[in-house]
Amino acid sequence: MADPHASGDYQRGTQEISEQVSTFHLVMMLTKWGSLGTVAVILFTTLILSTGNFFTAFVSAIALTVLGVVLLREKKKAH
């Protein structure tokens, strides 16, 4: 049976994690922008069905999208 206290192969903090980090950032980006798109489509559909006015629904969805892009875009990192 293997010795549970042996520390042969695994060394904590020594594995390369750059691919996991880039995958995490990709998933977070897709979640953020996908959520904004979903909310804009739901707003447009709700307003078009409740008011029947295409222009109001379209302008509201565009305004929400522009506001979301401004608030959700990546901030520049300080050096």
Protein backbone atom coordinates (compact mmCIF):
# COMPACT_ATOMS: atom_id res chain seq x y z
CA MET A 1 0.00 0.00 0.00
CA ALA A 2 1.22 3.48 -0.78
CA ASP A 3 2.50 5.66 2.02
CA PRO A 4 -0.09 8.44 2.56
CA HIS A 5 2.63 10.76 3.85
CA ALA A 6 4.95 10.41 0.85
CA SER A 7 5.35 13.61 -1.17
CA GLY A 8 6.93 12.18 -4.31
CA ASP A 9 5.15 13.48 -7.41
CA TYR A 10 2.83 16.26 -6.31
CA GLN A 11 4.27 19.60 -5.30
CA ARG A 12 1.68 22.21 -4.34
CA GLY A 13 1.77 25.32 -6.52
CA THR A 14 4.18 24.02 -9.15
CA GLN A 15 1.77 23.04 -11.95
CA GLU A 16 1.28 25.27 -14.97
CA ILE A 17 -2.24 26.77 -14.80
CA SER A 18 -2.23 29.25 -17.69
CA GLU A 19 -4.75 27.22 -19.72
CA GLN A 20 -7.13 26.94 -16.78
CA VAL A 21 -6.85 30.68 -16.17
CA SER A 22 -7.56 31.52 -19.82
CA THR A 23 -10.52 29.10 -19.86
CA PHE A 24 -11.90 30.72 -16.70
CA HIS A 25 -11.62 34.19 -18.26
CA LEU A 26 -13.32 32.97 -21.45
CA VAL A 27 -16.24 31.46 -19.50
CA MET A 28 -16.64 34.65 -17.46
CA MET A 29 -16.60 36.81 -20.61
CA LEU A 30 -19.16 34.62 -22.40
CA THR A 31 -21.39 34.59 -19.32
CA LYS A 32 -21.23 38.37 -18.95
CA TRP A 33 -21.98 39.24 -22.58
CA GLY A 34 -24.44 36.38 -23.03
CA SER A 35 -26.42 37.58 -20.02
CA LEU A 36 -26.55 41.11 -21.42
CA GLY A 37 -27.80 39.82 -24.77
CA THR A 38 -30.41 37.62 -23.11
CA VAL A 39 -31.74 40.47 -20.98
CA ALA A 40 -31.91 42.80 -24.00
CA VAL A 41 -33.90 40.21 -26.01
CA ILE A 42 -36.25 39.56 -23.07
CA LEU A 43 -36.82 43.31 -22.60
CA PHE A 44 -37.51 43.79 -26.31
CA THR A 45 -39.91 40.84 -26.44
CA THR A 46 -41.74 41.89 -23.28
CA LEU A 47 -42.21 45.47 -24.45
CA ILE A 48 -43.28 44.52 -27.96
CA LEU A 49 -45.88 42.10 -26.59
CA SER A 50 -47.15 44.40 -23.83
CA THR A 51 -47.20 47.74 -25.64
CA GLY A 52 -47.35 46.68 -29.26
CA ASN A 53 -45.04 49.57 -30.13
CA PHE A 54 -41.96 48.39 -32.00
CA PHE A 55 -40.13 51.71 -31.76
CA THR A 56 -40.41 51.93 -27.96
CA ALA A 57 -39.30 48.33 -27.54
CA PHE A 58 -36.39 48.74 -29.94
CA VAL A 59 -35.12 51.98 -28.38
CA SER A 60 -35.39 50.52 -24.87
CA ALA A 61 -33.47 47.38 -25.84
CA ILE A 62 -30.75 49.43 -27.58
CA ALA A 63 -30.48 51.79 -24.58
CA LEU A 64 -30.11 48.82 -22.23
CA THR A 65 -27.47 47.26 -24.50
CA VAL A 66 -25.44 50.48 -24.70
CA LEU A 67 -25.63 50.98 -20.93
CA GLY A 68 -24.63 47.35 -20.37
CA VAL A 69 -21.64 47.63 -22.72
CA VAL A 70 -20.45 50.77 -20.94
CA LEU A 71 -20.78 49.18 -17.50
CA LEU A 72 -19.50 45.69 -18.38
CA ARG A 73 -16.53 46.47 -20.60
CA GLU A 74 -13.04 45.63 -19.36
CA LYS A 75 -11.38 48.33 -17.33
CA LYS A 76 -7.83 49.32 -18.22
CA LYS A 77 -5.37 47.94 -15.72
CA ALA A 78 -3.04 50.31 -13.95
CA HIS A 79 0.64 49.54 -14.35
